[in-house]
């Protein structure tokens, strides 16, 4: 129960203008972050979708064997712009996700703080609000995630090179459910992942502010970037295997466009994908692409939070809450 000091229950909320500024800050954060981190996303997806062991030896030699080798090969076969494959879909994905995530987080976190139990448990409040906001953002942006994965994961000579060509093809051949492939795994992953992101970010930031004696608004951009990076890396290490399974599921129904990448894994659902990965690739298979992922996650989370906070300050998004019945 929320506080009921009066006979008539009153709940605080942000004004419409403040919510608009929160959404604008989220959009700016998503746009800038995606532009800088897209190449790491391409590398991550290429490694995740590669069934062969990441090795240069043996009969089933993998196409990509290291980050440096993958960069050279992608550049040689597909050119520099290949590192921004799926960028349009990725940009829409990230902006849609960031707007929904940051906006809903602010609303949920404000309401949770009005419950006596949650008001005294700051870390739990950040975790629940962040996790809920992450799930809402994932649902809103899922079709763009599927399209982005397929654009990045297809053979370089395929004609389906843009989201505008892929969207109607997926809808026609696979139905609406094709645009939400991997949603179950995504929600299992994104809830705790974003919950940990917000919890770690605020926890580490609070530690830094106590040690430095400065308030949150006066922390340097470098400090915000470091705390954001630390929270992103810690969160992703804990939950990486779920992201791996999600990417494998998103490629089902699209395997004919990936013949040059080697063996493709056909699986039916989360459990089947886990079983086949264990049988064919062992435990280490669940961590393919983890290094570029950690690099991307650290940079992404660092940019997300620092840019969002900077734009909030720029737009002077103050705590102008009103009371409503």
Protein backbone atom coordinates (compact mmCIF):
# COMPACT_ATOMS: atom_id res chain seq x y z
CA UNK A 1 0.00 0.00 0.00
CA UNK A 2 1.11 3.54 -0.68
CA UNK A 3 0.95 6.15 2.03
CA UNK A 4 -2.66 6.83 3.04
CA UNK A 5 -2.18 9.67 5.47
CA UNK A 6 -5.34 11.27 4.17
CA UNK A 7 -8.75 9.78 3.56
CA UNK A 8 -8.37 10.59 -0.11
CA UNK A 9 -5.44 8.77 -1.82
CA UNK A 10 -3.10 11.07 -3.70
CA UNK A 11 -0.33 9.89 -6.02
CA UNK A 12 2.55 11.99 -7.28
CA UNK A 13 3.39 12.09 -10.98
CA UNK A 14 5.59 14.08 -13.31
CA UNK A 15 4.07 16.90 -15.35
CA UNK A 16 3.46 16.30 -19.06
CA UNK A 17 6.25 18.74 -19.98
CA UNK A 18 8.77 17.00 -17.72
CA UNK A 19 7.80 13.64 -19.19
CA UNK A 20 8.34 15.08 -22.66
CA UNK A 21 11.84 16.23 -21.69
CA UNK A 22 12.58 12.80 -20.23
CA UNK A 23 11.56 11.22 -23.56
CA UNK A 24 13.70 13.71 -25.54
CA UNK A 25 16.69 12.96 -23.32
CA UNK A 26 16.14 9.24 -23.85
CA UNK A 27 15.93 9.66 -27.64
CA UNK A 28 19.15 11.69 -27.75
CA UNK A 29 20.90 9.14 -25.57
CA UNK A 30 19.79 6.27 -27.81
CA UNK A 31 20.71 8.00 -31.08
CA UNK A 32 24.23 8.99 -30.07
CA UNK A 33 24.94 5.66 -28.37
CA UNK A 34 23.84 3.57 -31.35
CA UNK A 35 25.96 5.58 -33.79
CA UNK A 36 29.17 4.88 -31.88
CA UNK A 37 28.50 1.28 -30.84
CA UNK A 38 26.99 -0.24 -34.01
CA UNK A 39 30.28 -1.83 -35.21
CA UNK A 40 30.60 -3.73 -31.93
CA UNK A 41 27.01 -4.91 -32.33
CA UNK A 42 27.81 -6.27 -35.79
CA UNK A 43 30.81 -8.18 -34.41
CA UNK A 44 28.79 -9.55 -31.51
CA UNK A 45 26.00 -10.85 -33.74
CA UNK A 46 28.41 -12.44 -36.24
CA UNK A 47 30.10 -14.41 -33.44
CA UNK A 48 26.82 -15.36 -31.75
CA UNK A 49 25.34 -16.81 -34.94
CA UNK A 50 28.46 -18.85 -35.75
CA UNK A 51 27.85 -22.49 -34.77
CA UNK A 52 31.42 -23.71 -35.47
CA UNK A 53 33.91 -23.47 -32.56
CA UNK A 54 35.84 -20.22 -32.52
CA UNK A 55 39.13 -21.76 -33.62
CA UNK A 56 41.59 -21.84 -36.52
CA UNK A 57 42.12 -25.58 -36.25
CA UNK A 58 40.14 -28.68 -37.08
CA UNK A 59 37.72 -29.69 -39.82
CA UNK A 60 35.01 -27.29 -38.72
CA UNK A 61 37.14 -24.16 -38.75
CA UNK A 62 35.12 -21.08 -37.92
CA UNK A 63 34.83 -18.12 -40.27
CA UNK A 64 35.54 -15.64 -37.49
CA UNK A 65 38.30 -16.57 -35.06
CA UNK A 66 39.06 -13.31 -33.22
CA UNK A 67 37.90 -9.71 -33.06
CA UNK A 68 40.87 -8.47 -35.11
CA UNK A 69 40.51 -11.23 -37.71
CA UNK A 70 36.74 -10.64 -37.96
CA UNK A 71 37.28 -6.92 -38.51
CA UNK A 72 39.78 -7.58 -41.32
CA UNK A 73 37.58 -10.20 -42.98
CA UNK A 74 34.38 -8.16 -42.83
CA UNK A 75 36.21 -5.14 -44.23
CA UNK A 76 37.79 -7.17 -47.04
CA UNK A 77 34.58 -8.99 -48.04
CA UNK A 78 31.96 -6.32 -47.43
CA UNK A 79 33.67 -2.96 -47.05
CA UNK A 80 33.73 -0.37 -44.27
CA UNK A 81 29.98 0.25 -44.29
CA UNK A 82 29.39 -3.38 -43.33
CA UNK A 83 30.19 -2.39 -39.74
CA UNK A 84 27.03 -0.30 -39.84
CA UNK A 85 24.85 -2.99 -41.40
CA UNK A 86 21.39 -2.85 -39.90
CA UNK A 87 22.11 0.66 -38.63
CA UNK A 88 18.77 2.12 -39.71
CA UNK A 89 16.82 -0.63 -37.98
CA UNK A 90 19.27 -0.48 -35.08
CA UNK A 91 18.85 3.27 -34.77
CA UNK A 92 15.06 3.04 -34.72
CA UNK A 93 15.35 0.10 -32.32
CA UNK A 94 17.63 2.00 -29.95
CA UNK A 95 15.68 5.26 -29.99
CA UNK A 96 12.35 3.48 -29.51
CA UNK A 97 13.82 1.41 -26.73
CA UNK A 98 15.62 4.31 -25.02
CA UNK A 99 12.57 6.57 -25.06
CA UNK A 100 10.34 3.88 -23.58
CA UNK A 101 12.97 2.70 -21.10
CA UNK A 102 13.99 6.03 -19.60
CA UNK A 103 10.51 7.54 -19.66
CA UNK A 104 8.83 4.52 -18.04
CA UNK A 105 11.68 4.12 -15.54
CA UNK A 106 11.13 7.65 -14.24
CA UNK A 107 7.40 7.05 -13.84
CA UNK A 108 7.70 3.61 -12.24
CA UNK A 109 10.54 4.61 -9.91
CA UNK A 110 8.59 7.65 -8.68
CA UNK A 111 5.53 5.55 -7.85
CA UNK A 112 7.52 2.76 -6.19
CA UNK A 113 9.13 5.28 -3.84
CA UNK A 114 5.68 6.08 -2.48
CA UNK A 115 5.34 2.59 -1.03
CA UNK A 116 6.79 2.41 2.52
CA UNK A 117 8.44 -0.96 1.86
CA UNK A 118 10.17 0.22 -1.33
CA UNK A 119 11.05 3.70 -0.06
CA UNK A 120 13.54 2.21 2.38
CA UNK A 121 15.04 -0.21 -0.15
CA UNK A 122 16.68 1.97 -2.76
CA UNK A 123 18.57 -0.77 -4.60
CA UNK A 124 15.46 -2.92 -4.92
CA UNK A 125 13.48 0.09 -6.17
CA UNK A 126 16.04 0.79 -8.90
CA UNK A 127 16.14 -2.90 -9.86
CA UNK A 128 12.35 -3.32 -10.13
CA UNK A 129 11.80 0.02 -11.91
CA UNK A 130 14.70 -0.61 -14.30
CA UNK A 131 13.64 -4.18 -15.06
CA UNK A 132 10.03 -3.18 -15.71
CA UNK A 133 11.12 -0.29 -17.93
CA UNK A 134 13.47 -2.58 -19.85
CA UNK A 135 10.67 -5.05 -20.59
CA UNK A 136 8.37 -2.29 -21.85
CA UNK A 137 11.14 -0.93 -24.06
CA UNK A 138 11.92 -4.40 -25.42
CA UNK A 139 8.29 -5.10 -26.38
CA UNK A 140 8.00 -1.75 -28.18
CA UNK A 141 11.25 -2.19 -30.12
CA UNK A 142 11.30 -5.97 -30.74
CA UNK A 143 10.41 -5.94 -34.49
CA UNK A 144 13.37 -3.66 -35.19
CA UNK A 145 15.63 -5.98 -33.19
CA UNK A 146 14.61 -8.97 -35.33
CA UNK A 147 15.15 -7.02 -38.56
CA UNK A 148 18.49 -5.63 -37.37
CA UNK A 149 19.71 -9.14 -36.47
CA UNK A 150 18.76 -10.51 -39.87
CA UNK A 151 20.33 -7.67 -41.84
CA UNK A 152 23.58 -8.11 -39.92
CA UNK A 153 23.48 -11.91 -40.01
CA UNK A 154 22.74 -12.53 -43.70
CA UNK A 155 25.17 -13.31 -46.53
CA UNK A 156 26.74 -10.16 -47.93
CA UNK A 157 25.32 -10.82 -51.42
CA UNK A 158 21.70 -11.07 -50.30
CA UNK A 159 19.18 -8.64 -51.77
CA UNK A 160 17.33 -8.06 -48.48
CA UNK A 161 19.74 -5.34 -47.44
CA UNK A 162 17.45 -2.95 -45.62
CA UNK A 163 14.74 -2.94 -42.98
CA UNK A 164 12.22 -1.58 -45.49
CA UNK A 165 12.63 -4.68 -47.69
CA UNK A 166 12.74 -7.15 -44.83
CA UNK A 167 9.74 -5.89 -42.86
CA UNK A 168 7.03 -6.80 -45.42
CA UNK A 169 8.82 -10.07 -46.30
CA UNK A 170 8.88 -11.24 -42.69
CA UNK A 171 5.27 -10.19 -42.12
CA UNK A 172 4.13 -12.00 -45.29
CA UNK A 173 6.14 -15.21 -44.92
CA UNK A 174 6.15 -15.65 -41.14
CA UNK A 175 3.25 -13.56 -39.89
CA UNK A 176 3.32 -11.04 -37.08
CA UNK A 177 4.96 -13.60 -34.79
CA UNK A 178 8.00 -13.51 -37.06
CA UNK A 179 8.60 -9.91 -35.98
CA UNK A 180 8.62 -10.97 -32.33
CA UNK A 181 10.91 -14.03 -32.55
CA UNK A 182 12.93 -14.38 -29.38
CA UNK A 183 10.64 -12.09 -27.36
CA UNK A 184 10.30 -14.62 -24.52
CA UNK A 185 14.08 -14.94 -24.17
CA UNK A 186 14.46 -11.19 -24.54
CA UNK A 187 12.11 -10.48 -21.64
CA UNK A 188 13.80 -13.12 -19.48
CA UNK A 189 17.10 -11.42 -20.21
CA UNK A 190 16.18 -7.75 -20.40
CA UNK A 191 14.22 -7.55 -17.15
CA UNK A 192 17.07 -8.51 -14.81
CA UNK A 193 19.71 -7.00 -17.15
CA UNK A 194 18.27 -3.49 -17.13
CA UNK A 195 17.30 -3.91 -13.49
CA UNK A 196 20.94 -4.62 -12.68
CA UNK A 197 22.04 -1.75 -14.95
CA UNK A 198 20.03 0.83 -13.04
CA UNK A 199 20.77 -0.72 -9.66
CA UNK A 200 24.54 -0.93 -10.23
CA UNK A 201 24.68 2.51 -11.83
CA UNK A 202 22.94 4.25 -8.95
CA UNK A 203 24.76 2.17 -6.34
CA UNK A 204 28.21 2.90 -7.81
CA UNK A 205 27.30 6.55 -8.37
CA UNK A 206 26.21 6.87 -4.74
CA UNK A 207 29.52 5.38 -3.61
CA UNK A 208 31.45 7.82 -5.79
CA UNK A 209 29.46 10.82 -4.57
CA UNK A 210 30.03 9.84 -0.94
CA UNK A 211 33.75 9.39 -1.52
CA UNK A 212 34.15 12.63 -3.49
CA UNK A 213 31.78 14.76 -1.42
CA UNK A 214 30.06 16.06 -4.56
CA UNK A 215 26.40 15.67 -5.44
CA UNK A 216 25.32 13.64 -8.48
CA UNK A 217 24.85 16.66 -10.75
CA UNK A 218 28.45 17.82 -10.20
CA UNK A 219 30.12 14.56 -11.15
CA UNK A 220 32.31 14.83 -14.25
CA UNK A 221 31.35 13.25 -17.58
CA UNK A 222 34.36 10.93 -17.22
CA UNK A 223 33.07 9.69 -13.85
CA UNK A 224 29.58 9.11 -15.27
CA UNK A 225 31.08 7.20 -18.19
CA UNK A 226 33.12 4.98 -15.87
CA UNK A 227 30.22 4.20 -13.52
CA UNK A 228 27.98 3.49 -16.50
CA UNK A 229 30.57 1.22 -18.08
CA UNK A 230 31.07 -0.71 -14.85
CA UNK A 231 27.34 -1.27 -14.41
CA UNK A 232 26.96 -2.41 -18.01
CA UNK A 233 29.81 -4.93 -17.84
CA UNK A 234 28.70 -6.38 -14.50
CA UNK A 235 25.10 -6.80 -15.70
CA UNK A 236 26.02 -8.36 -19.04
CA UNK A 237 28.44 -10.90 -17.56
CA UNK A 238 25.63 -12.22 -15.36
CA UNK A 239 23.08 -12.57 -18.14
CA UNK A 240 25.02 -13.04 -21.38
CA UNK A 241 23.85 -16.63 -22.23
CA UNK A 242 20.24 -15.43 -22.55
CA UNK A 243 21.27 -12.83 -25.13
CA UNK A 244 23.10 -15.57 -27.05
CA UNK A 245 20.00 -17.80 -27.15
CA UNK A 246 17.81 -14.88 -28.23
CA UNK A 247 20.01 -14.18 -31.26
CA UNK A 248 19.96 -17.83 -32.31
CA UNK A 249 16.16 -17.91 -32.13
CA UNK A 250 15.79 -14.72 -34.16
CA UNK A 251 17.52 -16.36 -37.15
CA UNK A 252 15.09 -19.29 -37.37
CA UNK A 253 13.15 -19.08 -40.64
CA UNK A 254 15.98 -17.06 -42.21
CA UNK A 255 18.72 -19.71 -42.51
CA UNK A 256 18.80 -19.87 -46.34
CA UNK A 257 20.25 -16.36 -46.37
CA UNK A 258 23.24 -17.47 -44.25
CA UNK A 259 24.86 -20.27 -46.28
CA UNK A 260 28.30 -18.63 -46.45
CA UNK A 261 28.57 -18.50 -42.65
CA UNK A 262 28.84 -22.27 -42.26
CA UNK A 263 26.53 -24.62 -40.36
CA UNK A 264 23.23 -23.14 -39.21
CA UNK A 265 21.48 -24.34 -36.10
CA UNK A 266 17.80 -25.22 -36.40
CA UNK A 267 16.01 -25.15 -33.07
CA UNK A 268 12.47 -24.98 -31.77
CA UNK A 269 12.23 -22.81 -28.70
CA UNK A 270 14.50 -21.87 -25.82
CA UNK A 271 14.98 -25.36 -24.33
CA UNK A 272 15.73 -26.97 -27.70
CA UNK A 273 18.26 -24.25 -28.51
CA UNK A 274 19.98 -24.72 -25.16
CA UNK A 275 20.17 -28.51 -25.60
CA UNK A 276 21.60 -28.29 -29.13
CA UNK A 277 24.12 -25.65 -28.12
CA UNK A 278 25.32 -27.85 -25.25
CA UNK A 279 25.58 -30.89 -27.52
CA UNK A 280 27.32 -29.17 -30.44
CA UNK A 281 29.28 -26.36 -28.79
CA UNK A 282 29.54 -27.19 -25.06
CA UNK A 283 29.22 -24.61 -22.27
CA UNK A 284 31.66 -22.24 -23.96
CA UNK A 285 29.22 -21.94 -26.87
CA UNK A 286 26.91 -19.83 -24.72
CA UNK A 287 29.66 -17.23 -24.39
CA UNK A 288 30.50 -16.78 -28.06
CA UNK A 289 30.85 -13.12 -28.92
CA UNK A 290 31.13 -12.16 -25.26
CA UNK A 291 34.23 -9.97 -25.59
CA UNK A 292 32.79 -7.58 -28.21
CA UNK A 293 29.55 -7.76 -26.25
CA UNK A 294 31.22 -6.65 -23.02
CA UNK A 295 32.97 -3.85 -24.90
CA UNK A 296 29.68 -2.82 -26.44
CA UNK A 297 27.74 -3.20 -23.19
CA UNK A 298 30.24 -1.12 -21.25
CA UNK A 299 30.28 1.64 -23.87
CA UNK A 300 26.53 1.51 -24.44
CA UNK A 301 25.60 1.75 -20.78
CA UNK A 302 28.22 4.43 -20.21
CA UNK A 303 26.86 6.52 -23.07
CA UNK A 304 23.22 5.80 -22.20
CA UNK A 305 23.40 7.07 -18.64
CA UNK A 306 25.91 9.90 -19.08
CA UNK A 307 24.20 11.32 -22.18
CA UNK A 308 20.75 10.93 -20.63
CA UNK A 309 21.86 12.70 -17.44
CA UNK A 310 23.59 15.41 -19.50
CA UNK A 311 20.49 16.09 -21.59
CA UNK A 312 18.29 16.10 -18.50
CA UNK A 313 20.55 18.75 -17.02
CA UNK A 314 20.65 20.65 -20.33
CA UNK A 315 16.88 20.64 -20.56
CA UNK A 316 16.65 21.27 -16.82
CA UNK A 317 14.39 18.30 -16.17
CA UNK A 318 13.64 19.16 -12.58
CA UNK A 319 11.47 17.19 -10.20
CA UNK A 320 8.35 19.18 -11.01
CA UNK A 321 5.82 16.72 -9.74
CA UNK A 322 2.16 17.49 -9.31
CA UNK A 323 -0.49 15.83 -7.18
CA UNK A 324 -3.44 14.11 -8.80
CA UNK A 325 -6.40 12.29 -7.36
